Amino acid sequence: MPYIAFESGTLEKKVKQKLIEQLTDISADITGIPKHLFLVSIKEIPDDDIAVGGKTVTEMKKEKNNT
């Protein structure tokens, strides 16, 4: 059973569903393995626990929404 692990900050439910569907579809297409055999796991890390360039994802999201 193929296993796909995806880690990220907090995601909306619709985004997670789209990731699950598209990761499964493209992986099945590339490998030829039937999609019903794929296991997909999404691990969300709190936005305050991820930082890039000294800024947390929470801070970056706030800045993006203010522009």
PDB file of N, CA and C in Angstrom:
ATOM      1  N   MET A   1       0.853  -1.175   0.000  1.00  0.00           N
ATOM      2  CA  MET A   1       0.000   0.000   0.000  1.00  0.00           C
ATOM      3  C   MET A   1       0.902   1.241   0.000  1.00  0.00           C
ATOM      4  N   PRO A   2       0.883   2.038  -1.052  1.00  0.00           N
ATOM      5  CA  PRO A   2       1.677   3.264  -1.098  1.00  0.00           C
ATOM      6  C   PRO A   2       1.184   4.275  -0.054  1.00  0.00           C
ATOM      7  N   TYR A   3       2.135   4.971   0.522  1.00  0.00           N
ATOM      8  CA  TYR A   3       1.840   5.941   1.578  1.00  0.00           C
ATOM      9  C   TYR A   3       2.374   7.308   1.174  1.00  0.00           C
ATOM     10  N   ILE A   4       1.505   8.314   1.201  1.00  0.00           N
ATOM     11  CA  ILE A   4       1.888   9.690   0.889  1.00  0.00           C
ATOM     12  C   ILE A   4       1.723  10.509   2.162  1.00  0.00           C
ATOM     13  N   ALA A   5       2.823  11.122   2.627  1.00  0.00           N
ATOM     14  CA  ALA A   5       2.781  11.970   3.822  1.00  0.00           C
ATOM     15  C   ALA A   5       2.960  13.421   3.402  1.00  0.00           C
ATOM     16  N   PHE A   6       2.106  14.295   3.931  1.00  0.00           N
ATOM     17  CA  PHE A   6       2.156  15.721   3.600  1.00  0.00           C
ATOM     18  C   PHE A   6       2.123  16.498   4.904  1.00  0.00           C
ATOM     19  N   GLU A   7       3.120  17.341   5.132  1.00  0.00           N
ATOM     20  CA  GLU A   7       3.173  18.165   6.339  1.00  0.00           C
ATOM     21  C   GLU A   7       3.088  19.624   5.953  1.00  0.00           C
ATOM     22  N   SER A   8       2.308  20.380   6.731  1.00  0.00           N
ATOM     23  CA  SER A   8       2.176  21.813   6.452  1.00  0.00           C
ATOM     24  C   SER A   8       1.615  22.518   7.672  1.00  0.00           C
ATOM     25  N   GLY A   9       1.480  23.820   7.522  1.00  0.00           N
ATOM     26  CA  GLY A   9       0.777  24.594   8.535  1.00  0.00           C
ATOM     27  C   GLY A   9      -0.714  24.293   8.440  1.00  0.00           C
ATOM     28  N   THR A  10      -1.494  25.043   9.162  1.00  0.00           N
ATOM     29  CA  THR A  10      -2.936  24.838   9.212  1.00  0.00           C
ATOM     30  C   THR A  10      -3.559  25.029   7.828  1.00  0.00           C
ATOM     31  N   LEU A  11      -4.425  24.089   7.453  1.00  0.00           N
ATOM     32  CA  LEU A  11      -5.090  24.129   6.149  1.00  0.00           C
ATOM     33  C   LEU A  11      -6.605  24.091   6.324  1.00  0.00           C
ATOM     34  N   GLU A  12      -7.307  24.716   5.391  1.00  0.00           N
ATOM     35  CA  GLU A  12      -8.767  24.640   5.397  1.00  0.00           C
ATOM     36  C   GLU A  12      -9.198  23.251   4.949  1.00  0.00           C
ATOM     37  N   LYS A  13     -10.383  22.838   5.382  1.00  0.00           N
ATOM     38  CA  LYS A  13     -10.898  21.511   5.063  1.00  0.00           C
ATOM     39  C   LYS A  13     -10.967  21.277   3.553  1.00  0.00           C
ATOM     40  N   LYS A  14     -11.416  22.275   2.782  1.00  0.00           N
ATOM     41  CA  LYS A  14     -11.501  22.142   1.324  1.00  0.00           C
ATOM     42  C   LYS A  14     -10.128  21.923   0.701  1.00  0.00           C
ATOM     43  N   VAL A  15      -9.123  22.597   1.236  1.00  0.00           N
ATOM     44  CA  VAL A  15      -7.759  22.461   0.715  1.00  0.00           C
ATOM     45  C   VAL A  15      -7.241  21.051   0.974  1.00  0.00           C
ATOM     46  N   LYS A  16      -7.485  20.538   2.179  1.00  0.00           N
ATOM     47  CA  LYS A  16      -7.044  19.180   2.500  1.00  0.00           C
ATOM     48  C   LYS A  16      -7.715  18.149   1.593  1.00  0.00           C
ATOM     49  N   GLN A  17      -9.000  18.311   1.344  1.00  0.00           N
ATOM     50  CA  GLN A  17      -9.707  17.370   0.481  1.00  0.00           C
ATOM     51  C   GLN A  17      -9.146  17.397  -0.935  1.00  0.00           C
ATOM     52  N   LYS A  18      -8.852  18.601  -1.437  1.00  0.00           N
ATOM     53  CA  LYS A  18      -8.286  18.731  -2.776  1.00  0.00           C
ATOM     54  C   LYS A  18      -6.891  18.100  -2.843  1.00  0.00           C
ATOM     55  N   LEU A  19      -6.089  18.302  -1.802  1.00  0.00           N
ATOM     56  CA  LEU A  19      -4.764  17.682  -1.750  1.00  0.00           C
ATOM     57  C   LEU A  19      -4.873  16.162  -1.787  1.00  0.00           C
ATOM     58  N   ILE A  20      -5.755  15.609  -0.968  1.00  0.00           N
ATOM     59  CA  ILE A  20      -5.933  14.161  -0.913  1.00  0.00           C
ATOM     60  C   ILE A  20      -6.315  13.625  -2.286  1.00  0.00           C
ATOM     61  N   GLU A  21      -7.285  14.262  -2.919  1.00  0.00           N
ATOM     62  CA  GLU A  21      -7.744  13.799  -4.229  1.00  0.00           C
ATOM     63  C   GLU A  21      -6.655  13.897  -5.283  1.00  0.00           C
ATOM     64  N   GLN A  22      -6.006  15.064  -5.359  1.00  0.00           N
ATOM     65  CA  GLN A  22      -5.038  15.273  -6.441  1.00  0.00           C
ATOM     66  C   GLN A  22      -3.728  14.528  -6.218  1.00  0.00           C
ATOM     67  N   LEU A  23      -3.268  14.429  -4.963  1.00  0.00           N
ATOM     68  CA  LEU A  23      -2.063  13.636  -4.699  1.00  0.00           C
ATOM     69  C   LEU A  23      -2.293  12.176  -5.060  1.00  0.00           C
ATOM     70  N   THR A  24      -3.476  11.674  -4.715  1.00  0.00           N
ATOM     71  CA  THR A  24      -3.810  10.287  -5.043  1.00  0.00           C
ATOM     72  C   THR A  24      -3.906  10.090  -6.547  1.00  0.00           C
ATOM     73  N   ASP A  25      -4.634  10.980  -7.225  1.00  0.00           N
ATOM     74  CA  ASP A  25      -4.819  10.849  -8.674  1.00  0.00           C
ATOM     75  C   ASP A  25      -3.495  10.876  -9.433  1.00  0.00           C
ATOM     76  N   ILE A  26      -2.641  11.847  -9.138  1.00  0.00           N
ATOM     77  CA  ILE A  26      -1.387  11.970  -9.883  1.00  0.00           C
ATOM     78  C   ILE A  26      -0.438  10.819  -9.566  1.00  0.00           C
ATOM     79  N   SER A  27      -0.439  10.374  -8.315  1.00  0.00           N
ATOM     80  CA  SER A  27       0.428   9.254  -7.942  1.00  0.00           C
ATOM     81  C   SER A  27      -0.016   7.967  -8.629  1.00  0.00           C
ATOM     82  N   ALA A  28      -1.319   7.739  -8.682  1.00  0.00           N
ATOM     83  CA  ALA A  28      -1.841   6.555  -9.369  1.00  0.00           C
ATOM     84  C   ALA A  28      -1.535   6.625 -10.861  1.00  0.00           C
ATOM     85  N   ASP A  29      -1.669   7.802 -11.441  1.00  0.00           N
ATOM     86  CA  ASP A  29      -1.397   7.991 -12.864  1.00  0.00           C
ATOM     87  C   ASP A  29       0.065   7.707 -13.195  1.00  0.00           C
ATOM     88  N   ILE A  30       0.959   8.228 -12.375  1.00  0.00           N
ATOM     89  CA  ILE A  30       2.398   8.071 -12.631  1.00  0.00           C
ATOM     90  C   ILE A  30       2.851   6.632 -12.394  1.00  0.00           C
ATOM     91  N   THR A  31       2.368   6.019 -11.309  1.00  0.00           N
ATOM     92  CA  THR A  31       2.867   4.684 -10.929  1.00  0.00           C
ATOM     93  C   THR A  31       2.096   3.531 -11.556  1.00  0.00           C
ATOM     94  N   GLY A  32       0.852   3.782 -11.954  1.00  0.00           N
ATOM     95  CA  GLY A  32       0.012   2.705 -12.454  1.00  0.00           C
ATOM     96  C   GLY A  32      -0.616   1.867 -11.353  1.00  0.00           C
ATOM     97  N   ILE A  33      -0.382   2.265 -10.117  1.00  0.00           N
ATOM     98  CA  ILE A  33      -0.975   1.571  -8.971  1.00  0.00           C
ATOM     99  C   ILE A  33      -2.407   2.083  -8.796  1.00  0.00           C
ATOM    100  N   PRO A  34      -3.378   1.205  -8.608  1.00  0.00           N
ATOM    101  CA  PRO A  34      -4.764   1.650  -8.440  1.00  0.00           C
ATOM    102  C   PRO A  34      -4.907   2.628  -7.275  1.00  0.00           C
ATOM    103  N   LYS A  35      -5.672   3.693  -7.504  1.00  0.00           N
ATOM    104  CA  LYS A  35      -5.776   4.750  -6.494  1.00  0.00           C
ATOM    105  C   LYS A  35      -6.408   4.288  -5.192  1.00  0.00           C
ATOM    106  N   HIS A  36      -7.221   3.238  -5.241  1.00  0.00           N
ATOM    107  CA  HIS A  36      -7.847   2.779  -3.996  1.00  0.00           C
ATOM    108  C   HIS A  36      -6.844   2.139  -3.034  1.00  0.00           C
ATOM    109  N   LEU A  37      -5.607   1.948  -3.481  1.00  0.00           N
ATOM    110  CA  LEU A  37      -4.572   1.380  -2.624  1.00  0.00           C
ATOM    111  C   LEU A  37      -3.728   2.434  -1.906  1.00  0.00           C
ATOM    112  N   PHE A  38      -3.868   3.700  -2.287  1.00  0.00           N
ATOM    113  CA  PHE A  38      -3.047   4.763  -1.698  1.00  0.00           C
ATOM    114  C   PHE A  38      -3.581   5.223  -0.345  1.00  0.00           C
ATOM    115  N   LEU A  39      -2.658   5.412   0.586  1.00  0.00           N
ATOM    116  CA  LEU A  39      -2.958   5.994   1.891  1.00  0.00           C
ATOM    117  C   LEU A  39      -2.327   7.381   1.917  1.00  0.00           C
ATOM    118  N   VAL A  40      -3.118   8.394   2.231  1.00  0.00           N
ATOM    119  CA  VAL A  40      -2.621   9.763   2.309  1.00  0.00           C
ATOM    120  C   VAL A  40      -2.784  10.256   3.740  1.00  0.00           C
ATOM    121  N   SER A  41      -1.729  10.845   4.275  1.00  0.00           N
ATOM    122  CA  SER A  41      -1.758  11.399   5.624  1.00  0.00           C
ATOM    123  C   SER A  41      -1.353  12.863   5.563  1.00  0.00           C
ATOM    124  N   ILE A  42      -2.167  13.714   6.177  1.00  0.00           N
ATOM    125  CA  ILE A  42      -1.838  15.136   6.257  1.00  0.00           C
ATOM    126  C   ILE A  42      -1.591  15.477   7.722  1.00  0.00           C
ATOM    127  N   LYS A  43      -0.398  15.953   7.996  1.00  0.00           N
ATOM    128  CA  LYS A  43      -0.043  16.370   9.355  1.00  0.00           C
ATOM    129  C   LYS A  43       0.024  17.890   9.377  1.00  0.00           C
ATOM    130  N   GLU A  44      -0.827  18.486  10.178  1.00  0.00           N
ATOM    131  CA  GLU A  44      -0.825  19.941  10.305  1.00  0.00           C
ATOM    132  C   GLU A  44      -0.001  20.345  11.527  1.00  0.00           C
ATOM    133  N   ILE A  45       0.852  21.299  11.310  1.00  0.00           N
ATOM    134  CA  ILE A  45       1.675  21.862  12.377  1.00  0.00           C
ATOM    135  C   ILE A  45       1.119  23.252  12.668  1.00  0.00           C
ATOM    136  N   PRO A  46       0.904  23.605  13.935  1.00  0.00           N
ATOM    137  CA  PRO A  46       0.370  24.938  14.228  1.00  0.00           C
ATOM    138  C   PRO A  46       1.218  26.038  13.583  1.00  0.00           C
ATOM    139  N   ASP A  47       0.536  27.033  13.021  1.00  0.00           N
ATOM    140  CA  ASP A  47       1.219  28.121  12.309  1.00  0.00           C
ATOM    141  C   ASP A  47       2.237  28.853  13.179  1.00  0.00           C
ATOM    142  N   ASP A  48       2.025  28.861  14.485  1.00  0.00           N
ATOM    143  CA  ASP A  48       2.984  29.512  15.384  1.00  0.00           C
ATOM    144  C   ASP A  48       4.241  28.679  15.588  1.00  0.00           C
ATOM    145  N   ASP A  49       4.201  27.418  15.159  1.00  0.00           N
ATOM    146  CA  ASP A  49       5.342  26.518  15.345  1.00  0.00           C
ATOM    147  C   ASP A  49       6.187  26.363  14.085  1.00  0.00           C
ATOM    148  N   ILE A  50       5.877  27.139  13.040  1.00  0.00           N
ATOM    149  CA  ILE A  50       6.645  27.100  11.796  1.00  0.00           C
ATOM    150  C   ILE A  50       7.101  28.525  11.491  1.00  0.00           C
ATOM    151  N   ALA A  51       8.377  28.668  11.161  1.00  0.00           N
ATOM    152  CA  ALA A  51       8.895  30.002  10.852  1.00  0.00           C
ATOM    153  C   ALA A  51       9.842  29.930   9.660  1.00  0.00           C
ATOM    154  N   VAL A  52       9.843  31.003   8.884  1.00  0.00           N
ATOM    155  CA  VAL A  52      10.760  31.166   7.768  1.00  0.00           C
ATOM    156  C   VAL A  52      11.341  32.565   7.873  1.00  0.00           C
ATOM    157  N   GLY A  53      12.644  32.669   7.838  1.00  0.00           N
ATOM    158  CA  GLY A  53      13.277  33.981   7.908  1.00  0.00           C
ATOM    159  C   GLY A  53      12.975  34.733   9.194  1.00  0.00           C
ATOM    160  N   GLY A  54      12.744  33.994  10.265  1.00  0.00           N
ATOM    161  CA  GLY A  54      12.494  34.630  11.560  1.00  0.00           C
ATOM    162  C   GLY A  54      11.058  35.035  11.810  1.00  0.00           C
ATOM    163  N   LYS A  55      10.155  34.751  10.874  1.00  0.00           N
ATOM    164  CA  LYS A  55       8.742  35.091  11.038  1.00  0.00           C
ATOM    165  C   LYS A  55       7.908  33.817  11.038  1.00  0.00           C
ATOM    166  N   THR A  56       6.957  33.747  11.969  1.00  0.00           N
ATOM    167  CA  THR A  56       6.079  32.580  12.000  1.00  0.00           C
ATOM    168  C   THR A  56       5.090  32.649  10.840  1.00  0.00           C
ATOM    169  N   VAL A  57       4.533  31.504  10.522  1.00  0.00           N
ATOM    170  CA  VAL A  57       3.521  31.456   9.470  1.00  0.00           C
ATOM    171  C   VAL A  57       2.339  32.337   9.857  1.00  0.00           C
ATOM    172  N   THR A  58       1.999  32.375  11.136  1.00  0.00           N
ATOM    173  CA  THR A  58       0.916  33.249  11.602  1.00  0.00           C
ATOM    174  C   THR A  58       1.207  34.699  11.226  1.00  0.00           C
ATOM    175  N   GLU A  59       2.428  35.149  11.475  1.00  0.00           N
ATOM    176  CA  GLU A  59       2.819  36.519  11.141  1.00  0.00           C
ATOM    177  C   GLU A  59       2.771  36.754   9.631  1.00  0.00           C
ATOM    178  N   MET A  60       3.250  35.777   8.859  1.00  0.00           N
ATOM    179  CA  MET A  60       3.259  35.935   7.404  1.00  0.00           C
ATOM    180  C   MET A  60       1.831  35.998   6.848  1.00  0.00           C
ATOM    181  N   LYS A  61       0.925  35.182   7.398  1.00  0.00           N
ATOM    182  CA  LYS A  61      -0.471  35.215   6.952  1.00  0.00           C
ATOM    183  C   LYS A  61      -1.112  36.551   7.268  1.00  0.00           C
ATOM    184  N   LYS A  62      -0.814  37.110   8.457  1.00  0.00           N
ATOM    185  CA  LYS A  62      -1.350  38.420   8.838  1.00  0.00           C
ATOM    186  C   LYS A  62      -0.854  39.501   7.876  1.00  0.00           C
ATOM    187  N   GLU A  63       0.447  39.458   7.555  1.00  0.00           N
ATOM    188  CA  GLU A  63       1.009  40.439   6.627  1.00  0.00           C
ATOM    189  C   GLU A  63       0.380  40.319   5.254  1.00  0.00           C
ATOM    190  N   LYS A  64       0.163  39.097   4.806  1.00  0.00           N
ATOM    191  CA  LYS A  64      -0.443  38.875   3.487  1.00  0.00           C
ATOM    192  C   LYS A  64      -1.861  39.424   3.445  1.00  0.00           C
ATOM    193  N   ASN A  65      -2.618  39.224   4.504  1.00  0.00           N
ATOM    194  CA  ASN A  65      -3.999  39.690   4.547  1.00  0.00           C
ATOM    195  C   ASN A  65      -4.110  41.215   4.676  1.00  0.00           C
ATOM    196  N   ASN A  66      -3.058  41.872   5.126  1.00  0.00           N
ATOM    197  CA  ASN A  66      -3.066  43.323   5.267  1.00  0.00           C
ATOM    198  C   ASN A  66      -2.658  44.039   3.979  1.00  0.00           C
ATOM    199  N   THR A  67      -2.243  43.285   2.962  1.00  0.00           N
ATOM    200  CA  THR A  67      -1.812  43.938   1.707  1.00  0.00           C
ATOM    201  C   THR A  67      -2.933  43.956   0.701  1.00  0.00           C
TER     202      THR A  67
END
